[in-house]
C-alpha atoms as a PDB file:
ATOM      1  CA  UNK A   1      14.254  -8.727 -14.399  1.00  0.00           C
ATOM      2  CA  UNK A   2      13.874  -9.209 -10.165  1.00  0.00           C
ATOM      3  CA  UNK A   3      14.007  -6.353  -7.084  1.00  0.00           C
ATOM      4  CA  UNK A   4      15.701  -6.865  -4.638  1.00  0.00           C
ATOM      5  CA  UNK A   5      15.013  -5.345  -0.829  1.00  0.00           C
ATOM      6  CA  UNK A   6      16.584  -1.996  -0.561  1.00  0.00           C
ATOM      7  CA  UNK A   7      15.289  -0.924   3.274  1.00  0.00           C
ATOM      8  CA  UNK A   8      15.275  -4.757   4.399  1.00  0.00           C
ATOM      9  CA  UNK A   9      17.746  -4.387   7.864  1.00  0.00           C
ATOM     10  CA  UNK A  10      15.868  -0.626   8.050  1.00  0.00           C
ATOM     11  CA  UNK A  11      13.118  -0.119   8.092  1.00  0.00           C
ATOM     12  CA  UNK A  12      11.651  -3.659   8.804  1.00  0.00           C
ATOM     13  CA  UNK A  13      14.238  -6.594  10.258  1.00  0.00           C
ATOM     14  CA  UNK A  14      16.045  -8.474   6.584  1.00  0.00           C
ATOM     15  CA  UNK A  15      16.189 -11.666   9.338  1.00  0.00           C
ATOM     16  CA  UNK A  16      13.431 -13.833   8.199  1.00  0.00           C
ATOM     17  CA  UNK A  17      13.028 -15.392  11.690  1.00  0.00           C
ATOM     18  CA  UNK A  18      12.803 -11.657  13.272  1.00  0.00           C
ATOM     19  CA  UNK A  19      11.155 -10.263  10.765  1.00  0.00           C
ATOM     20  CA  UNK A  20       8.130 -13.096  11.141  1.00  0.00           C
ATOM     21  CA  UNK A  21       8.135 -12.185  14.646  1.00  0.00           C
ATOM     22  CA  UNK A  22       7.873  -8.865  14.620  1.00  0.00           C
ATOM     23  CA  UNK A  23       4.628  -8.782  11.819  1.00  0.00           C
ATOM     24  CA  UNK A  24       3.054 -11.534  14.264  1.00  0.00           C
ATOM     25  CA  UNK A  25       3.090  -9.342  16.659  1.00  0.00           C
ATOM     26  CA  UNK A  26       0.728  -7.279  15.346  1.00  0.00           C
ATOM     27  CA  UNK A  27      -1.915 -10.345  14.521  1.00  0.00           C
ATOM     28  CA  UNK A  28      -2.292 -12.186  17.783  1.00  0.00           C
ATOM     29  CA  UNK A  29      -5.447 -13.270  16.726  1.00  0.00           C
ATOM     30  CA  UNK A  30      -3.856 -15.405  13.512  1.00  0.00           C
ATOM     31  CA  UNK A  31      -2.286 -18.679  14.306  1.00  0.00           C
ATOM     32  CA  UNK A  32       0.527 -19.067  11.481  1.00  0.00           C
ATOM     33  CA  UNK A  33       1.799 -17.507   8.526  1.00  0.00           C
ATOM     34  CA  UNK A  34       1.942 -18.847   5.447  1.00  0.00           C
ATOM     35  CA  UNK A  35       5.316 -17.585   3.572  1.00  0.00           C
ATOM     36  CA  UNK A  36       6.814 -20.264   1.707  1.00  0.00           C
ATOM     37  CA  UNK A  37       4.615 -21.084  -0.886  1.00  0.00           C
ATOM     38  CA  UNK A  38       5.062 -19.708  -4.394  1.00  0.00           C
ATOM     39  CA  UNK A  39       3.263 -17.336  -6.647  1.00  0.00           C
ATOM     40  CA  UNK A  40       1.633 -19.738  -9.551  1.00  0.00           C
ATOM     41  CA  UNK A  41      -0.745 -18.565 -12.283  1.00  0.00           C
ATOM     42  CA  UNK A  42      -3.571 -20.066 -11.231  1.00  0.00           C
ATOM     43  CA  UNK A  43      -4.023 -18.863  -8.151  1.00  0.00           C
ATOM     44  CA  UNK A  44      -7.493 -21.108  -7.476  1.00  0.00           C
ATOM     45  CA  UNK A  45      -4.484 -22.921  -6.620  1.00  0.00           C
ATOM     46  CA  UNK A  46      -3.885 -21.117  -2.930  1.00  0.00           C
ATOM     47  CA  UNK A  47      -4.878 -24.091  -0.909  1.00  0.00           C
ATOM     48  CA  UNK A  48      -3.711 -21.192   2.219  1.00  0.00           C
ATOM     49  CA  UNK A  49      -2.764 -22.784   4.806  1.00  0.00           C
ATOM     50  CA  UNK A  50      -3.987 -19.935   7.078  1.00  0.00           C
ATOM     51  CA  UNK A  51      -7.119 -18.972   8.769  1.00  0.00           C
ATOM     52  CA  UNK A  52      -9.132 -17.735   6.060  1.00  0.00           C
ATOM     53  CA  UNK A  53      -8.269 -20.333   3.404  1.00  0.00           C
ATOM     54  CA  UNK A  54     -11.665 -21.729   3.018  1.00  0.00           C
ATOM     55  CA  UNK A  55     -12.909 -18.097   2.445  1.00  0.00           C
ATOM     56  CA  UNK A  56     -13.406 -16.426  -1.004  1.00  0.00           C
ATOM     57  CA  UNK A  57     -11.778 -13.690  -3.020  1.00  0.00           C
ATOM     58  CA  UNK A  58     -12.261 -10.302  -1.359  1.00  0.00           C
ATOM     59  CA  UNK A  59     -14.190  -7.758  -3.593  1.00  0.00           C
ATOM     60  CA  UNK A  60     -12.444  -5.070  -5.149  1.00  0.00           C
ATOM     61  CA  UNK A  61     -10.912  -3.146  -2.196  1.00  0.00           C
ATOM     62  CA  UNK A  62      -8.764  -0.032  -1.709  1.00  0.00           C
ATOM     63  CA  UNK A  63      -6.641   0.482   1.465  1.00  0.00           C
ATOM     64  CA  UNK A  64      -4.345   3.737   2.408  1.00  0.00           C
ATOM     65  CA  UNK A  65      -1.484   2.547   4.217  1.00  0.00           C
ATOM     66  CA  UNK A  66       1.987   4.121   5.653  1.00  0.00           C
ATOM     67  CA  UNK A  67       4.798   3.193   4.689  1.00  0.00           C
ATOM     68  CA  UNK A  68       7.514   4.062   7.683  1.00  0.00           C
ATOM     69  CA  UNK A  69       9.873   2.224   9.562  1.00  0.00           C
ATOM     70  CA  UNK A  70       7.539  -0.498  11.100  1.00  0.00           C
ATOM     71  CA  UNK A  71       8.482   0.516  14.760  1.00  0.00           C
ATOM     72  CA  UNK A  72       6.658   3.422  14.113  1.00  0.00           C
ATOM     73  CA  UNK A  73       3.666   2.631  11.783  1.00  0.00           C
ATOM     74  CA  UNK A  74       3.407  -0.656  11.452  1.00  0.00           C
ATOM     75  CA  UNK A  75       0.710  -1.427  13.765  1.00  0.00           C
ATOM     76  CA  UNK A  76      -1.528   1.448  12.268  1.00  0.00           C
ATOM     77  CA  UNK A  77      -0.980  -0.693   8.808  1.00  0.00           C
ATOM     78  CA  UNK A  78      -1.878  -4.114  10.539  1.00  0.00           C
ATOM     79  CA  UNK A  79      -5.707  -2.563  11.071  1.00  0.00           C
ATOM     80  CA  UNK A  80      -5.713  -2.856   7.303  1.00  0.00           C
ATOM     81  CA  UNK A  81      -4.182  -5.487   6.820  1.00  0.00           C
ATOM     82  CA  UNK A  82      -5.605  -7.040   9.115  1.00  0.00           C
ATOM     83  CA  UNK A  83      -9.522  -6.171   8.044  1.00  0.00           C
ATOM     84  CA  UNK A  84      -8.653  -7.227   4.400  1.00  0.00           C
ATOM     85  CA  UNK A  85      -7.455 -10.388   5.693  1.00  0.00           C
ATOM     86  CA  UNK A  86     -10.578 -11.152   7.375  1.00  0.00           C
ATOM     87  CA  UNK A  87     -12.961 -10.765   4.088  1.00  0.00           C
ATOM     88  CA  UNK A  88     -11.058 -13.294   2.324  1.00  0.00           C
ATOM     89  CA  UNK A  89      -8.344 -14.099  -0.395  1.00  0.00           C
ATOM     90  CA  UNK A  90      -6.163 -12.349  -2.708  1.00  0.00           C
ATOM     91  CA  UNK A  91      -5.287 -12.694  -6.350  1.00  0.00           C
ATOM     92  CA  UNK A  92      -3.408  -9.263  -7.135  1.00  0.00           C
ATOM     93  CA  UNK A  93      -2.134  -6.356  -5.308  1.00  0.00           C
ATOM     94  CA  UNK A  94      -1.607  -2.738  -7.276  1.00  0.00           C
ATOM     95  CA  UNK A  95       0.571  -0.767  -5.255  1.00  0.00           C
ATOM     96  CA  UNK A  96       0.485   2.944  -6.287  1.00  0.00           C
ATOM     97  CA  UNK A  97       3.341   4.427  -4.104  1.00  0.00           C
ATOM     98  CA  UNK A  98       5.126   8.416  -4.138  1.00  0.00           C
ATOM     99  CA  UNK A  99       8.552   8.946  -5.793  1.00  0.00           C
ATOM    100  CA  UNK A 100      10.851   9.621  -2.906  1.00  0.00           C
ATOM    101  CA  UNK A 101      13.958   9.718  -5.084  1.00  0.00           C
ATOM    102  CA  UNK A 102      12.953  11.828  -7.735  1.00  0.00           C
ATOM    103  CA  UNK A 103      14.000   8.936 -10.421  1.00  0.00           C
ATOM    104  CA  UNK A 104      11.760   7.948 -13.440  1.00  0.00           C
ATOM    105  CA  UNK A 105       9.178   9.376 -15.282  1.00  0.00           C
ATOM    106  CA  UNK A 106       5.743  10.955 -13.848  1.00  0.00           C
ATOM    107  CA  UNK A 107       4.294   7.243 -13.951  1.00  0.00           C
ATOM    108  CA  UNK A 108       6.088   4.223 -13.388  1.00  0.00           C
ATOM    109  CA  UNK A 109       4.972   0.774 -13.824  1.00  0.00           C
ATOM    110  CA  UNK A 110       7.644  -2.034 -12.911  1.00  0.00           C
ATOM    111  CA  UNK A 111       6.253  -4.037 -15.758  1.00  0.00           C
ATOM    112  CA  UNK A 112       7.352  -7.539 -15.167  1.00  0.00           C
ATOM    113  CA  UNK A 113       9.707 -10.096 -13.620  1.00  0.00           C
ATOM    114  CA  UNK A 114       9.491 -10.449  -9.414  1.00  0.00           C
ATOM    115  CA  UNK A 115      10.301  -8.688  -6.221  1.00  0.00           C
ATOM    116  CA  UNK A 116      11.893 -10.260  -3.145  1.00  0.00           C
ATOM    117  CA  UNK A 117      12.095  -9.296   0.468  1.00  0.00           C
ATOM    118  CA  UNK A 118      12.946 -11.853   3.274  1.00  0.00           C
ATOM    119  CA  UNK A 119       9.821 -13.330   2.907  1.00  0.00           C
ATOM    120  CA  UNK A 120      10.209 -14.803  -0.402  1.00  0.00           C
ATOM    121  CA  UNK A 121       9.590 -14.136  -3.820  1.00  0.00           C
ATOM    122  CA  UNK A 122       6.473 -11.737  -5.629  1.00  0.00           C
ATOM    123  CA  UNK A 123       5.699 -12.561  -9.429  1.00  0.00           C
ATOM    124  CA  UNK A 124       4.643  -9.234 -11.124  1.00  0.00           C
ATOM    125  CA  UNK A 125       1.069  -9.557 -12.741  1.00  0.00           C
ATOM    126  CA  UNK A 126       0.517  -9.452 -15.939  1.00  0.00           C
ATOM    127  CA  UNK A 127      -2.215  -6.913 -15.553  1.00  0.00           C
ATOM    128  CA  UNK A 128       0.834  -4.391 -15.124  1.00  0.00           C
ATOM    129  CA  UNK A 129       1.805  -4.669 -19.178  1.00  0.00           C
ATOM    130  CA  UNK A 130      -2.105  -4.180 -19.470  1.00  0.00           C
ATOM    131  CA  UNK A 131      -1.849  -1.152 -18.055  1.00  0.00           C
ATOM    132  CA  UNK A 132       1.448   0.326 -19.541  1.00  0.00           C
ATOM    133  CA  UNK A 133      -0.495  -0.470 -22.732  1.00  0.00           C
ATOM    134  CA  UNK A 134      -3.666   1.777 -21.359  1.00  0.00           C
ATOM    135  CA  UNK A 135      -1.805   4.582 -19.949  1.00  0.00           C
ATOM    136  CA  UNK A 136       0.672   4.690 -23.249  1.00  0.00           C
ATOM    137  CA  UNK A 137       3.920   4.547 -21.574  1.00  0.00           C
ATOM    138  CA  UNK A 138       6.865   2.210 -21.420  1.00  0.00           C
ATOM    139  CA  UNK A 139       7.495   0.335 -18.529  1.00  0.00           C
ATOM    140  CA  UNK A 140      10.201   1.179 -16.039  1.00  0.00           C
ATOM    141  CA  UNK A 141      12.416  -0.264 -13.209  1.00  0.00           C
ATOM    142  CA  UNK A 142      14.295   2.914 -12.160  1.00  0.00           C
ATOM    143  CA  UNK A 143      11.686   4.481  -9.955  1.00  0.00           C
ATOM    144  CA  UNK A 144      11.142   1.430  -8.011  1.00  0.00           C
ATOM    145  CA  UNK A 145      15.268   0.466  -7.811  1.00  0.00           C
ATOM    146  CA  UNK A 146      15.238   2.725  -4.515  1.00  0.00           C
ATOM    147  CA  UNK A 147      12.371   3.420  -3.311  1.00  0.00           C
ATOM    148  CA  UNK A 148      10.789   2.373   0.005  1.00  0.00           C
ATOM    149  CA  UNK A 149       6.802   2.948  -0.495  1.00  0.00           C
ATOM    150  CA  UNK A 150       5.851   0.048  -1.898  1.00  0.00           C
ATOM    151  CA  UNK A 151       8.693  -2.730  -0.612  1.00  0.00           C
ATOM    152  CA  UNK A 152       7.640  -1.737   3.291  1.00  0.00           C
ATOM    153  CA  UNK A 153       3.664  -3.104   2.157  1.00  0.00           C
ATOM    154  CA  UNK A 154       4.844  -6.351   1.060  1.00  0.00           C
ATOM    155  CA  UNK A 155       5.735  -8.664   3.975  1.00  0.00           C
ATOM    156  CA  UNK A 156       2.897  -7.712   5.666  1.00  0.00           C
ATOM    157  CA  UNK A 157       0.581  -9.118   2.718  1.00  0.00           C
ATOM    158  CA  UNK A 158       3.360 -11.977   2.575  1.00  0.00           C
ATOM    159  CA  UNK A 159       2.574 -12.715   5.937  1.00  0.00           C
ATOM    160  CA  UNK A 160      -0.836 -13.091   5.844  1.00  0.00           C
ATOM    161  CA  UNK A 161      -1.324 -14.941   2.704  1.00  0.00           C
ATOM    162  CA  UNK A 162       2.222 -16.309   1.834  1.00  0.00           C
ATOM    163  CA  UNK A 163       3.268 -15.812  -1.847  1.00  0.00           C
ATOM    164  CA  UNK A 164       0.509 -16.852  -3.557  1.00  0.00           C
ATOM    165  CA  UNK A 165      -0.580 -13.275  -4.605  1.00  0.00           C
ATOM    166  CA  UNK A 166       1.059 -11.384  -7.582  1.00  0.00           C
ATOM    167  CA  UNK A 167       1.763  -7.389  -7.391  1.00  0.00           C
ATOM    168  CA  UNK A 168       1.746  -3.969 -10.016  1.00  0.00           C
ATOM    169  CA  UNK A 169       3.679  -2.042  -8.627  1.00  0.00           C
ATOM    170  CA  UNK A 170       3.383   1.443  -9.754  1.00  0.00           C
ATOM    171  CA  UNK A 171       5.152   4.913  -8.479  1.00  0.00           C
ATOM    172  CA  UNK A 172       3.318   8.325  -9.119  1.00  0.00           C
ATOM    173  CA  UNK A 173       6.177  11.175  -9.736  1.00  0.00           C
ATOM    174  CA  UNK A 174       3.456  13.473 -10.934  1.00  0.00           C
ATOM    175  CA  UNK A 175       0.480  13.650  -8.190  1.00  0.00           C
ATOM    176  CA  UNK A 176      -1.612  16.085 -10.176  1.00  0.00           C
ATOM    177  CA  UNK A 177      -5.207  15.398  -9.920  1.00  0.00           C
ATOM    178  CA  UNK A 178      -4.900  14.780 -13.661  1.00  0.00           C
ATOM    179  CA  UNK A 179      -2.572  11.848 -12.965  1.00  0.00           C
ATOM    180  CA  UNK A 180      -4.672  10.467 -10.463  1.00  0.00           C
ATOM    181  CA  UNK A 181      -7.656  10.819 -12.680  1.00  0.00           C
ATOM    182  CA  UNK A 182      -6.385   8.772 -15.369  1.00  0.00           C
ATOM    183  CA  UNK A 183      -5.109   5.973 -13.540  1.00  0.00           C
ATOM    184  CA  UNK A 184      -7.793   5.446 -11.615  1.00  0.00           C
ATOM    185  CA  UNK A 185     -10.272   5.489 -14.594  1.00  0.00           C
ATOM    186  CA  UNK A 186      -7.759   2.506 -16.042  1.00  0.00           C
ATOM    187  CA  UNK A 187      -7.595   0.742 -12.903  1.00  0.00           C
ATOM    188  CA  UNK A 188     -11.393   0.708 -12.815  1.00  0.00           C
ATOM    189  CA  UNK A 189     -11.667  -0.446 -16.158  1.00  0.00           C
ATOM    190  CA  UNK A 190      -9.815  -3.905 -14.303  1.00  0.00           C
ATOM    191  CA  UNK A 191     -11.275  -4.317 -11.356  1.00  0.00           C
ATOM    192  CA  UNK A 192     -12.841  -8.014 -10.102  1.00  0.00           C
ATOM    193  CA  UNK A 193     -12.756  -9.738  -7.409  1.00  0.00           C
ATOM    194  CA  UNK A 194      -9.133 -11.136  -5.993  1.00  0.00           C
ATOM    195  CA  UNK A 195      -7.662  -7.335  -6.401  1.00  0.00           C
ATOM    196  CA  UNK A 196      -7.064  -5.156  -3.747  1.00  0.00           C
ATOM    197  CA  UNK A 197      -5.336  -1.567  -4.339  1.00  0.00           C
ATOM    198  CA  UNK A 198      -3.165   0.174  -1.539  1.00  0.00           C
ATOM    199  CA  UNK A 199      -2.453   4.088  -1.789  1.00  0.00           C
ATOM    200  CA  UNK A 200       0.864   3.832   0.186  1.00  0.00           C
ATOM    201  CA  UNK A 201       1.536   7.060   2.151  1.00  0.00           C
ATOM    202  CA  UNK A 202       1.974   8.975   5.443  1.00  0.00           C
ATOM    203  CA  UNK A 203       0.491  11.971   6.079  1.00  0.00           C
ATOM    204  CA  UNK A 204       1.739  15.454   7.731  1.00  0.00           C
ATOM    205  CA  UNK A 205       5.771  15.545   8.572  1.00  0.00           C
ATOM    206  CA  UNK A 206       8.076  17.110  11.314  1.00  0.00           C
ATOM    207  CA  UNK A 207       5.686  19.299  12.819  1.00  0.00           C
ATOM    208  CA  UNK A 208       4.115  18.519  16.694  1.00  0.00           C
ATOM    209  CA  UNK A 209       1.648  15.860  17.665  1.00  0.00           C
ATOM    210  CA  UNK A 210      -1.141  18.608  17.309  1.00  0.00           C
ATOM    211  CA  UNK A 211      -0.529  19.814  14.534  1.00  0.00           C
ATOM    212  CA  UNK A 212      -0.188  16.374  12.411  1.00  0.00           C
ATOM    213  CA  UNK A 213      -2.804  15.021  14.131  1.00  0.00           C
ATOM    214  CA  UNK A 214      -5.340  18.413  13.115  1.00  0.00           C
ATOM    215  CA  UNK A 215      -3.773  18.338   9.387  1.00  0.00           C
ATOM    216  CA  UNK A 216      -4.228  14.371   9.768  1.00  0.00           C
ATOM    217  CA  UNK A 217      -8.128  14.924  10.404  1.00  0.00           C
ATOM    218  CA  UNK A 218      -8.612  17.608   7.276  1.00  0.00           C
ATOM    219  CA  UNK A 219      -7.151  15.386   4.695  1.00  0.00           C
ATOM    220  CA  UNK A 220      -9.532  12.297   6.113  1.00  0.00           C
ATOM    221  CA  UNK A 221     -12.438  14.704   5.812  1.00  0.00           C
ATOM    222  CA  UNK A 222     -11.790  14.619   2.458  1.00  0.00           C
ATOM    223  CA  UNK A 223     -11.227  11.021   2.287  1.00  0.00           C
ATOM    224  CA  UNK A 224     -14.810  10.422   3.751  1.00  0.00           C
ATOM    225  CA  UNK A 225     -16.412  13.210   1.200  1.00  0.00           C
ATOM    226  CA  UNK A 226     -14.721  10.665  -1.470  1.00  0.00           C
ATOM    227  CA  UNK A 227     -13.200  14.488  -2.649  1.00  0.00           C
ATOM    228  CA  UNK A 228     -10.316  14.129  -4.593  1.00  0.00           C
ATOM    229  CA  UNK A 229     -10.475  17.637  -5.073  1.00  0.00           C
ATOM    230  CA  UNK A 230     -10.986  19.046  -1.740  1.00  0.00           C
ATOM    231  CA  UNK A 231      -7.779  16.602  -0.370  1.00  0.00           C
ATOM    232  CA  UNK A 232      -5.565  18.182  -3.144  1.00  0.00           C
ATOM    233  CA  UNK A 233      -7.094  21.808  -2.249  1.00  0.00           C
ATOM    234  CA  UNK A 234      -5.880  20.859   1.649  1.00  0.00           C
ATOM    235  CA  UNK A 235      -2.818  19.392   0.723  1.00  0.00           C
ATOM    236  CA  UNK A 236      -1.414  22.858  -0.699  1.00  0.00           C
ATOM    237  CA  UNK A 237      -3.504  25.281   1.031  1.00  0.00           C
ATOM    238  CA  UNK A 238      -2.278  24.154   4.483  1.00  0.00           C
ATOM    239  CA  UNK A 239       1.151  22.445   2.892  1.00  0.00           C
ATOM    240  CA  UNK A 240       0.322  19.548   4.553  1.00  0.00           C
ATOM    241  CA  UNK A 241       3.215  16.917   3.677  1.00  0.00           C
ATOM    242  CA  UNK A 242       1.262  13.585   2.605  1.00  0.00           C
ATOM    243  CA  UNK A 243       3.701  12.103   0.765  1.00  0.00           C
ATOM    244  CA  UNK A 244       1.566  10.042  -1.301  1.00  0.00           C
ATOM    245  CA  UNK A 245      -1.713  12.028  -1.349  1.00  0.00           C
ATOM    246  CA  UNK A 246      -1.675  11.759  -5.429  1.00  0.00           C
ATOM    247  CA  UNK A 247      -1.926   8.364  -4.587  1.00  0.00           C
ATOM    248  CA  UNK A 248      -4.517   8.457  -1.853  1.00  0.00           C
ATOM    249  CA  UNK A 249      -6.716  10.585  -5.102  1.00  0.00           C
ATOM    250  CA  UNK A 250      -6.391   7.497  -6.985  1.00  0.00           C
ATOM    251  CA  UNK A 251      -8.426   5.389  -4.715  1.00  0.00           C
ATOM    252  CA  UNK A 252     -10.743   8.441  -4.160  1.00  0.00           C
ATOM    253  CA  UNK A 253     -11.472   9.130  -8.432  1.00  0.00           C
ATOM    254  CA  UNK A 254     -12.102   5.268  -8.572  1.00  0.00           C
ATOM    255  CA  UNK A 255     -15.612   3.595  -8.148  1.00  0.00           C
ATOM    256  CA  UNK A 256     -15.567   2.571  -4.193  1.00  0.00           C
ATOM    257  CA  UNK A 257     -18.522   3.416  -2.581  1.00  0.00           C
ATOM    258  CA  UNK A 258     -17.936   3.295   1.410  1.00  0.00           C
ATOM    259  CA  UNK A 259     -14.739   4.965   3.475  1.00  0.00           C
ATOM    260  CA  UNK A 260     -13.841   3.144   6.889  1.00  0.00           C
ATOM    261  CA  UNK A 261     -11.147   4.497   8.711  1.00  0.00           C
ATOM    262  CA  UNK A 262      -9.575   2.558  11.071  1.00  0.00           C
ATOM    263  CA  UNK A 263      -6.749   4.118  12.746  1.00  0.00           C
ATOM    264  CA  UNK A 264      -4.945   7.610  12.644  1.00  0.00           C
ATOM    265  CA  UNK A 265      -2.611   8.764  14.442  1.00  0.00           C
ATOM    266  CA  UNK A 266       1.122   9.688  14.714  1.00  0.00           C
ATOM    267  CA  UNK A 267       5.006   8.613  15.269  1.00  0.00           C
ATOM    268  CA  UNK A 268       4.872   9.799  18.833  1.00  0.00           C
ATOM    269  CA  UNK A 269       2.406   7.413  19.953  1.00  0.00           C
ATOM    270  CA  UNK A 270       5.101   4.541  19.227  1.00  0.00           C
ATOM    271  CA  UNK A 271       8.054   6.718  19.283  1.00  0.00           C
ATOM    272  CA  UNK A 272       7.339   9.697  22.250  1.00  0.00           C
ATOM    273  CA  UNK A 273       8.812  12.982  20.374  1.00  0.00           C
ATOM    274  CA  UNK A 274       5.592  14.870  20.365  1.00  0.00           C
ATOM    275  CA  UNK A 275       7.522  17.696  18.705  1.00  0.00           C
ATOM    276  CA  UNK A 276       8.612  16.450  15.818  1.00  0.00           C
ATOM    277  CA  UNK A 277       6.334  13.555  14.545  1.00  0.00           C
ATOM    278  CA  UNK A 278       4.911  11.795  11.159  1.00  0.00           C
ATOM    279  CA  UNK A 279       1.022  11.075  10.498  1.00  0.00           C
ATOM    280  CA  UNK A 280      -0.197   7.761   9.333  1.00  0.00           C
ATOM    281  CA  UNK A 281      -3.395   6.607   8.623  1.00  0.00           C
ATOM    282  CA  UNK A 282      -4.978   2.966   7.762  1.00  0.00           C
ATOM    283  CA  UNK A 283      -8.655   3.398   5.813  1.00  0.00           C
ATOM    284  CA  UNK A 284     -10.437   0.889   4.141  1.00  0.00           C
ATOM    285  CA  UNK A 285     -12.727   1.450   0.484  1.00  0.00           C
ATOM    286  CA  UNK A 286     -15.234  -0.261  -0.624  1.00  0.00           C
ATOM    287  CA  UNK A 287     -18.134  -0.738  -3.387  1.00  0.00           C
END
């Protein structure tokens, strides 16, 4: 099954040239993108026409990345993607996003097919079916049909790596500690070089800049401590409306040892409205 973009033209440009120009503005130190190479069953044939083509594959790495419109959160997202790019090449990207639509099961894994963006087509990794089997669930397409939290991550990756990597899209309808821990245990078993796991999440929503930053710092404190229970407690205690807190907690339950906070801001920085803001965070988790 092919999944076509649903927020191209709203969250980011639908026109390929305009999209490339927009993303290139976030990466002034990278000479040229590569968005025309197809995905392949043999990732070693990448032959990437970009600065890191001689680098090895990255070690298993986690990334927390926002998913708002690029004019709001694109700059924050770019901090994380640039750090990943500097580390090396990727084979597969597991992207965990929250369910904004209410459609679909508690955990939705897109089992097979391709995802299309203005920058090309990406294949679903066979690892998706393995995750489905280990979770003892059925693959699901419905939760992904109109959900934007995974889609908006893809053009950044395609800009940097072309279409040479594969993806595993996962949507969490249930963001309980139990679900995050269960998914993390399975993902830990599958970790190997070349795999990037992204927790797609914005932070607090629709309060003023000062409050949103303070609530963001509460979550960052829990992230730096690698303490998913603390993060969950702060979300509930202070009504922090971070839409993908369960996605972040999945990373915190995994076997990452180091946390690096790259950028924390709100939409006010880009939009100028300090009364009604959304918080954004870019952070790395490493072995």
